[in-house]
Amino acid sequence: MKKTSIELHIELPGSGPVLEACLDLPGGTGPFPGVVLCHPHPLYGGNMDNNVILAVSRALTGRGIASLRFNFRGVGRSQGSFAGGVGEQEDARATLSTLAGRGEIDSSRIGIMGYSFGGMVALAVGCTGELVRAVAAISPVIPAGVLEYCTRPKLIVSGEEDNMITPSYILKETAGMAEPKVVEMVPGVDHFWRGYEELVGEKVADFFARILGS
């Protein structure tokens, strides 16, 4: 399918910072399901053009699902500064609201996904936000006190060779996670997914296509 990219500036409610974002739409006629994509840690070079985030976006649009990737506050042209994960959750919530309010999007079919630090944000926001129907996280930091009660469909994918957010950590922290859930370890993959971007993108797109349709 042909993909059209629309670059947006998003204003958070109240006095929040203006965020830089890019809406990737599939070819064809909407309204489409949509997924917000949360990038890795802002203080370690994470941004919306990260290799994994872009791969997920491409895979989603290939399945007829729109994606809205954005820069957290203080990254790229987004205003503000790093806020310890708390402000970044506010950014994600505002981005979800913006996505759901777009005419091209079916607001009843919204998901959120994140990678690494962004995975923590996606899990925390996706399991508590009213708009979200499904949550996916790649090599995520696991937020405390959320997953035990989250009955939304959840996908967590990580690499067996990840020495930053280790498989043992992921398996321990997700052991008590509520159903429905899928936790998958991919052989030969470290934290950065170099050379495996298409693989993980397709896994995430398969998940959202199954839950949200296309």
C-alpha atoms as a PDB file:
ATOM      1  CA  MET A   1       0.000   0.000   0.000  1.00  0.00           C
ATOM      2  CA  LYS A   2       1.120   3.502  -0.710  1.00  0.00           C
ATOM      3  CA  LYS A   3       1.994   5.485   2.415  1.00  0.00           C
ATOM      4  CA  THR A   4       1.480   9.203   2.868  1.00  0.00           C
ATOM      5  CA  SER A   5       3.323  10.993   5.673  1.00  0.00           C
ATOM      6  CA  ILE A   6       1.784  14.060   7.260  1.00  0.00           C
ATOM      7  CA  GLU A   7       3.936  16.026   9.690  1.00  0.00           C
ATOM      8  CA  LEU A   8       1.991  17.500  12.579  1.00  0.00           C
ATOM      9  CA  HIS A   9       2.628  19.836  15.476  1.00  0.00           C
ATOM     10  CA  ILE A  10       0.693  18.769  18.546  1.00  0.00           C
ATOM     11  CA  GLU A  11      -0.242  21.047  21.413  1.00  0.00           C
ATOM     12  CA  LEU A  12      -0.765  19.376  24.771  1.00  0.00           C
ATOM     13  CA  PRO A  13      -3.767  20.505  26.812  1.00  0.00           C
ATOM     14  CA  GLY A  14      -3.191  23.493  29.055  1.00  0.00           C
ATOM     15  CA  SER A  15       0.356  24.800  29.238  1.00  0.00           C
ATOM     16  CA  GLY A  16       2.117  21.660  27.960  1.00  0.00           C
ATOM     17  CA  PRO A  17       4.905  21.830  25.383  1.00  0.00           C
ATOM     18  CA  VAL A  18       4.337  21.646  21.640  1.00  0.00           C
ATOM     19  CA  LEU A  19       5.488  18.274  20.329  1.00  0.00           C
ATOM     20  CA  GLU A  20       6.938  17.363  16.962  1.00  0.00           C
ATOM     21  CA  ALA A  21       5.176  14.384  15.397  1.00  0.00           C
ATOM     22  CA  CYS A  22       4.639  12.540  12.130  1.00  0.00           C
ATOM     23  CA  LEU A  23       1.412  10.794  11.158  1.00  0.00           C
ATOM     24  CA  ASP A  24       1.942   7.895   8.730  1.00  0.00           C
ATOM     25  CA  LEU A  25      -1.237   6.925   6.898  1.00  0.00           C
ATOM     26  CA  PRO A  26      -1.838   3.834   4.757  1.00  0.00           C
ATOM     27  CA  GLY A  27      -3.063   4.130   1.191  1.00  0.00           C
ATOM     28  CA  GLY A  28      -6.774   3.843   0.633  1.00  0.00           C
ATOM     29  CA  THR A  29      -9.734   5.380   2.389  1.00  0.00           C
ATOM     30  CA  GLY A  30     -10.105   5.623   6.159  1.00  0.00           C
ATOM     31  CA  PRO A  31     -11.009   5.782   8.873  1.00  0.00           C
ATOM     32  CA  PHE A  32      -8.054   3.616   9.850  1.00  0.00           C
ATOM     33  CA  PRO A  33      -7.044   2.011  13.132  1.00  0.00           C
ATOM     34  CA  GLY A  34      -4.146   3.928  14.651  1.00  0.00           C
ATOM     35  CA  VAL A  35      -1.180   3.312  16.936  1.00  0.00           C
ATOM     36  CA  VAL A  36       0.964   5.834  18.842  1.00  0.00           C
ATOM     37  CA  LEU A  37       4.692   4.977  18.816  1.00  0.00           C
ATOM     38  CA  CYS A  38       6.943   5.940  21.770  1.00  0.00           C
ATOM     39  CA  HIS A  39      10.682   6.171  21.144  1.00  0.00           C
ATOM     40  CA  PRO A  40      13.679   5.188  23.351  1.00  0.00           C
ATOM     41  CA  HIS A  41      15.243   7.268  26.113  1.00  0.00           C
ATOM     42  CA  PRO A  42      15.524  10.971  25.212  1.00  0.00           C
ATOM     43  CA  LEU A  43      18.838  11.387  27.076  1.00  0.00           C
ATOM     44  CA  TYR A  44      20.518   8.599  25.098  1.00  0.00           C
ATOM     45  CA  GLY A  45      19.711   9.678  21.566  1.00  0.00           C
ATOM     46  CA  GLY A  46      16.171   8.291  21.300  1.00  0.00           C
ATOM     47  CA  ASN A  47      13.841  10.010  18.836  1.00  0.00           C
ATOM     48  CA  MET A  48      10.930   9.302  16.528  1.00  0.00           C
ATOM     49  CA  ASP A  49      13.298   8.391  13.672  1.00  0.00           C
ATOM     50  CA  ASN A  50      14.811   5.487  15.618  1.00  0.00           C
ATOM     51  CA  ASN A  51      15.391   2.363  13.503  1.00  0.00           C
ATOM     52  CA  VAL A  52      12.908   0.222  15.430  1.00  0.00           C
ATOM     53  CA  ILE A  53      10.216   2.916  15.550  1.00  0.00           C
ATOM     54  CA  LEU A  54      10.467   3.470  11.790  1.00  0.00           C
ATOM     55  CA  ALA A  55      10.314  -0.273  11.118  1.00  0.00           C
ATOM     56  CA  VAL A  56       7.160  -0.619  13.209  1.00  0.00           C
ATOM     57  CA  SER A  57       5.594   2.361  11.444  1.00  0.00           C
ATOM     58  CA  ARG A  58       6.299   0.851   8.011  1.00  0.00           C
ATOM     59  CA  ALA A  59       4.915  -2.527   9.045  1.00  0.00           C
ATOM     60  CA  LEU A  60       1.745  -0.977  10.457  1.00  0.00           C
ATOM     61  CA  THR A  61       0.962   1.073   7.357  1.00  0.00           C
ATOM     62  CA  GLY A  62       1.570  -2.050   5.285  1.00  0.00           C
ATOM     63  CA  ARG A  63      -1.293  -3.648   7.226  1.00  0.00           C
ATOM     64  CA  GLY A  64      -3.630  -0.702   6.766  1.00  0.00           C
ATOM     65  CA  ILE A  65      -2.961   0.783  10.219  1.00  0.00           C
ATOM     66  CA  ALA A  66      -1.949   4.413  10.744  1.00  0.00           C
ATOM     67  CA  SER A  67       0.845   5.333  13.139  1.00  0.00           C
ATOM     68  CA  LEU A  68       1.633   8.549  14.960  1.00  0.00           C
ATOM     69  CA  ARG A  69       5.267   8.724  16.024  1.00  0.00           C
ATOM     70  CA  PHE A  70       6.367  11.733  18.020  1.00  0.00           C
ATOM     71  CA  ASN A  71       9.316  13.243  19.839  1.00  0.00           C
ATOM     72  CA  PHE A  72       9.060  13.426  23.601  1.00  0.00           C
ATOM     73  CA  ARG A  73       9.487  16.861  25.166  1.00  0.00           C
ATOM     74  CA  GLY A  74      13.003  18.231  24.677  1.00  0.00           C
ATOM     75  CA  VAL A  75      13.759  16.032  21.645  1.00  0.00           C
ATOM     76  CA  GLY A  76      14.107  17.408  18.111  1.00  0.00           C
ATOM     77  CA  ARG A  77      11.687  20.292  17.641  1.00  0.00           C
ATOM     78  CA  SER A  78       9.556  19.326  20.646  1.00  0.00           C
ATOM     79  CA  GLN A  79       9.498  21.961  23.365  1.00  0.00           C
ATOM     80  CA  GLY A  80      10.352  21.402  27.006  1.00  0.00           C
ATOM     81  CA  SER A  81      12.926  19.160  28.650  1.00  0.00           C
ATOM     82  CA  PHE A  82      13.227  15.614  29.949  1.00  0.00           C
ATOM     83  CA  ALA A  83      10.773  15.004  32.798  1.00  0.00           C
ATOM     84  CA  GLY A  84      11.878  11.699  34.308  1.00  0.00           C
ATOM     85  CA  GLY A  85       9.226   9.607  32.582  1.00  0.00           C
ATOM     86  CA  VAL A  86       6.307  11.414  34.214  1.00  0.00           C
ATOM     87  CA  GLY A  87       6.038  14.255  31.715  1.00  0.00           C
ATOM     88  CA  GLU A  88       6.697  11.772  28.927  1.00  0.00           C
ATOM     89  CA  GLN A  89       3.577   9.858  29.941  1.00  0.00           C
ATOM     90  CA  GLU A  90       1.666  13.128  29.639  1.00  0.00           C
ATOM     91  CA  ASP A  91       3.135  13.522  26.153  1.00  0.00           C
ATOM     92  CA  ALA A  92       1.920  10.052  25.180  1.00  0.00           C
ATOM     93  CA  ARG A  93      -1.584  10.702  26.518  1.00  0.00           C
ATOM     94  CA  ALA A  94      -1.808  13.959  24.588  1.00  0.00           C
ATOM     95  CA  THR A  95      -0.616  12.214  21.446  1.00  0.00           C
ATOM     96  CA  LEU A  96      -3.227   9.478  21.870  1.00  0.00           C
ATOM     97  CA  SER A  97      -5.943  12.121  22.184  1.00  0.00           C
ATOM     98  CA  THR A  98      -4.685  13.863  19.078  1.00  0.00           C
ATOM     99  CA  LEU A  99      -4.617  10.631  17.090  1.00  0.00           C
ATOM    100  CA  ALA A 100      -8.135   9.672  18.191  1.00  0.00           C
ATOM    101  CA  GLY A 101      -9.405  13.107  17.176  1.00  0.00           C
ATOM    102  CA  ARG A 102      -8.151  12.902  13.595  1.00  0.00           C
ATOM    103  CA  GLY A 103     -10.784  12.438  10.903  1.00  0.00           C
ATOM    104  CA  GLU A 104      -8.699   9.731   9.228  1.00  0.00           C
ATOM    105  CA  ILE A 105      -8.691   7.592  12.381  1.00  0.00           C
ATOM    106  CA  ASP A 106     -11.271   5.244  13.895  1.00  0.00           C
ATOM    107  CA  SER A 107     -11.148   6.284  17.548  1.00  0.00           C
ATOM    108  CA  SER A 108     -12.577   2.925  18.647  1.00  0.00           C
ATOM    109  CA  ARG A 109      -9.458   1.139  17.312  1.00  0.00           C
ATOM    110  CA  ILE A 110      -6.465   2.776  18.997  1.00  0.00           C
ATOM    111  CA  GLY A 111      -3.247   1.167  20.259  1.00  0.00           C
ATOM    112  CA  ILE A 112       0.068   2.267  21.726  1.00  0.00           C
ATOM    113  CA  MET A 113       3.545   0.814  21.333  1.00  0.00           C
ATOM    114  CA  GLY A 114       6.949   1.717  22.716  1.00  0.00           C
ATOM    115  CA  TYR A 115      10.581   0.626  22.520  1.00  0.00           C
ATOM    116  CA  SER A 116      12.927   0.481  25.558  1.00  0.00           C
ATOM    117  CA  PHE A 117      12.162   3.589  27.680  1.00  0.00           C
ATOM    118  CA  GLY A 118       9.247   4.196  25.322  1.00  0.00           C
ATOM    119  CA  GLY A 119       8.014   0.702  26.160  1.00  0.00           C
ATOM    120  CA  MET A 120       7.721   1.686  29.808  1.00  0.00           C
ATOM    121  CA  VAL A 121       5.732   4.773  28.819  1.00  0.00           C
ATOM    122  CA  ALA A 122       3.487   2.769  26.472  1.00  0.00           C
ATOM    123  CA  LEU A 123       2.743   0.102  29.075  1.00  0.00           C
ATOM    124  CA  ALA A 124       2.012   2.633  31.820  1.00  0.00           C
ATOM    125  CA  VAL A 125      -0.207   4.819  29.633  1.00  0.00           C
ATOM    126  CA  GLY A 126      -1.795   2.030  27.609  1.00  0.00           C
ATOM    127  CA  CYS A 127      -2.897   0.091  30.651  1.00  0.00           C
ATOM    128  CA  THR A 128      -4.583   3.090  32.255  1.00  0.00           C
ATOM    129  CA  GLY A 129      -5.823   5.174  29.317  1.00  0.00           C
ATOM    130  CA  GLU A 130      -9.447   4.891  28.226  1.00  0.00           C
ATOM    131  CA  LEU A 131      -8.675   5.251  24.512  1.00  0.00           C
ATOM    132  CA  VAL A 132      -6.318   2.275  24.219  1.00  0.00           C
ATOM    133  CA  ARG A 133      -7.469  -1.186  23.117  1.00  0.00           C
ATOM    134  CA  ALA A 134      -4.047  -2.904  22.867  1.00  0.00           C
ATOM    135  CA  VAL A 135      -0.463  -2.317  24.010  1.00  0.00           C
ATOM    136  CA  ALA A 136       2.869  -3.521  22.604  1.00  0.00           C
ATOM    137  CA  ALA A 137       6.375  -3.018  23.966  1.00  0.00           C
ATOM    138  CA  ILE A 138       9.780  -3.922  22.511  1.00  0.00           C
ATOM    139  CA  SER A 139      12.685  -4.516  24.940  1.00  0.00           C
ATOM    140  CA  PRO A 140      10.874  -2.441  27.566  1.00  0.00           C
ATOM    141  CA  VAL A 141      11.568  -1.249  31.043  1.00  0.00           C
ATOM    142  CA  ILE A 142       8.618  -2.711  32.965  1.00  0.00           C
ATOM    143  CA  PRO A 143       6.595  -0.151  34.988  1.00  0.00           C
ATOM    144  CA  ALA A 144       5.790  -1.191  38.544  1.00  0.00           C
ATOM    145  CA  GLY A 145       2.288  -1.910  39.766  1.00  0.00           C
ATOM    146  CA  VAL A 146       0.500  -1.722  36.407  1.00  0.00           C
ATOM    147  CA  LEU A 147       0.589  -4.989  34.502  1.00  0.00           C
ATOM    148  CA  GLU A 148      -0.952  -7.157  37.219  1.00  0.00           C
ATOM    149  CA  TYR A 149      -4.298  -5.452  36.657  1.00  0.00           C
ATOM    150  CA  CYS A 150      -4.158  -4.663  32.944  1.00  0.00           C
ATOM    151  CA  THR A 151      -6.649  -6.825  31.044  1.00  0.00           C
ATOM    152  CA  ARG A 152      -6.042  -5.202  27.668  1.00  0.00           C
ATOM    153  CA  PRO A 153      -4.217  -7.396  25.108  1.00  0.00           C
ATOM    154  CA  LYS A 154      -0.475  -6.987  25.612  1.00  0.00           C
ATOM    155  CA  LEU A 155       2.573  -7.960  23.536  1.00  0.00           C
ATOM    156  CA  ILE A 156       6.113  -7.822  24.915  1.00  0.00           C
ATOM    157  CA  VAL A 157       8.966  -8.766  22.584  1.00  0.00           C
ATOM    158  CA  SER A 158      12.624  -8.801  23.610  1.00  0.00           C
ATOM    159  CA  GLY A 159      15.951 -10.217  22.439  1.00  0.00           C
ATOM    160  CA  GLU A 160      17.578 -13.245  24.031  1.00  0.00           C
ATOM    161  CA  GLU A 161      20.970 -11.484  23.802  1.00  0.00           C
ATOM    162  CA  ASP A 162      19.833  -8.210  25.392  1.00  0.00           C
ATOM    163  CA  ASN A 163      22.350  -7.318  28.120  1.00  0.00           C
ATOM    164  CA  MET A 164      20.724  -3.968  28.937  1.00  0.00           C
ATOM    165  CA  ILE A 165      17.174  -5.103  29.714  1.00  0.00           C
ATOM    166  CA  THR A 166      17.854  -8.779  30.186  1.00  0.00           C
ATOM    167  CA  PRO A 167      15.550 -11.704  29.385  1.00  0.00           C
ATOM    168  CA  SER A 168      15.620 -12.782  33.024  1.00  0.00           C
ATOM    169  CA  TYR A 169      14.396  -9.328  34.074  1.00  0.00           C
ATOM    170  CA  ILE A 170      11.620  -9.328  31.468  1.00  0.00           C
ATOM    171  CA  LEU A 171      10.434 -12.826  32.402  1.00  0.00           C
ATOM    172  CA  LYS A 172      10.498 -12.069  36.130  1.00  0.00           C
ATOM    173  CA  GLU A 173       8.646  -8.768  35.815  1.00  0.00           C
ATOM    174  CA  THR A 174       5.977 -10.156  33.464  1.00  0.00           C
ATOM    175  CA  ALA A 175       5.362 -13.416  35.340  1.00  0.00           C
ATOM    176  CA  GLY A 176       2.372 -11.946  37.171  1.00  0.00           C
ATOM    177  CA  MET A 177       1.096  -9.919  34.233  1.00  0.00           C
ATOM    178  CA  ALA A 178      -2.653 -10.261  33.669  1.00  0.00           C
ATOM    179  CA  GLU A 179      -4.032 -12.044  30.627  1.00  0.00           C
ATOM    180  CA  PRO A 180      -4.346 -11.675  27.709  1.00  0.00           C
ATOM    181  CA  LYS A 181      -0.621 -11.421  27.073  1.00  0.00           C
ATOM    182  CA  VAL A 182       2.170 -12.616  24.786  1.00  0.00           C
ATOM    183  CA  VAL A 183       5.797 -12.478  25.981  1.00  0.00           C
ATOM    184  CA  GLU A 184       8.313 -13.513  23.331  1.00  0.00           C
ATOM    185  CA  MET A 185      12.113 -13.772  23.353  1.00  0.00           C
ATOM    186  CA  VAL A 186      13.785 -13.634  19.925  1.00  0.00           C
ATOM    187  CA  PRO A 187      17.038 -15.631  19.523  1.00  0.00           C
ATOM    188  CA  GLY A 188      20.197 -13.810  18.446  1.00  0.00           C
ATOM    189  CA  VAL A 189      18.878 -10.301  19.099  1.00  0.00           C
ATOM    190  CA  ASP A 190      20.381  -7.702  21.441  1.00  0.00           C
ATOM    191  CA  HIS A 191      18.814  -4.484  22.729  1.00  0.00           C
ATOM    192  CA  PHE A 192      19.233  -2.539  19.490  1.00  0.00           C
ATOM    193  CA  TRP A 193      17.626  -4.939  16.956  1.00  0.00           C
ATOM    194  CA  ARG A 194      20.152  -4.120  14.199  1.00  0.00           C
ATOM    195  CA  GLY A 195      19.333  -6.304  11.225  1.00  0.00           C
ATOM    196  CA  TYR A 196      16.118  -7.507  12.869  1.00  0.00           C
ATOM    197  CA  GLU A 197      14.031  -4.358  12.486  1.00  0.00           C
ATOM    198  CA  GLU A 198      11.744  -5.826   9.832  1.00  0.00           C
ATOM    199  CA  LEU A 199      11.199  -8.957  11.908  1.00  0.00           C
ATOM    200  CA  VAL A 200      10.119  -7.106  15.036  1.00  0.00           C
ATOM    201  CA  GLY A 201       8.084  -4.625  13.007  1.00  0.00           C
ATOM    202  CA  GLU A 202       6.076  -7.475  11.512  1.00  0.00           C
ATOM    203  CA  LYS A 203       5.527  -9.083  14.926  1.00  0.00           C
ATOM    204  CA  VAL A 204       4.098  -5.849  16.286  1.00  0.00           C
ATOM    205  CA  ALA A 205       2.009  -5.197  13.168  1.00  0.00           C
ATOM    206  CA  ASP A 206       0.621  -8.763  13.300  1.00  0.00           C
ATOM    207  CA  PHE A 207      -0.439  -8.181  16.901  1.00  0.00           C
ATOM    208  CA  PHE A 208      -2.221  -4.904  16.234  1.00  0.00           C
ATOM    209  CA  ALA A 209      -3.832  -6.196  13.022  1.00  0.00           C
ATOM    210  CA  ARG A 210      -5.254  -9.100  14.988  1.00  0.00           C
ATOM    211  CA  ILE A 211      -6.665  -6.894  17.747  1.00  0.00           C
ATOM    212  CA  LEU A 212      -7.558  -3.678  15.906  1.00  0.00           C
ATOM    213  CA  GLY A 213      -8.207  -5.012  12.408  1.00  0.00           C
ATOM    214  CA  SER A 214      -7.115  -3.119   9.296  1.00  0.00           C
END
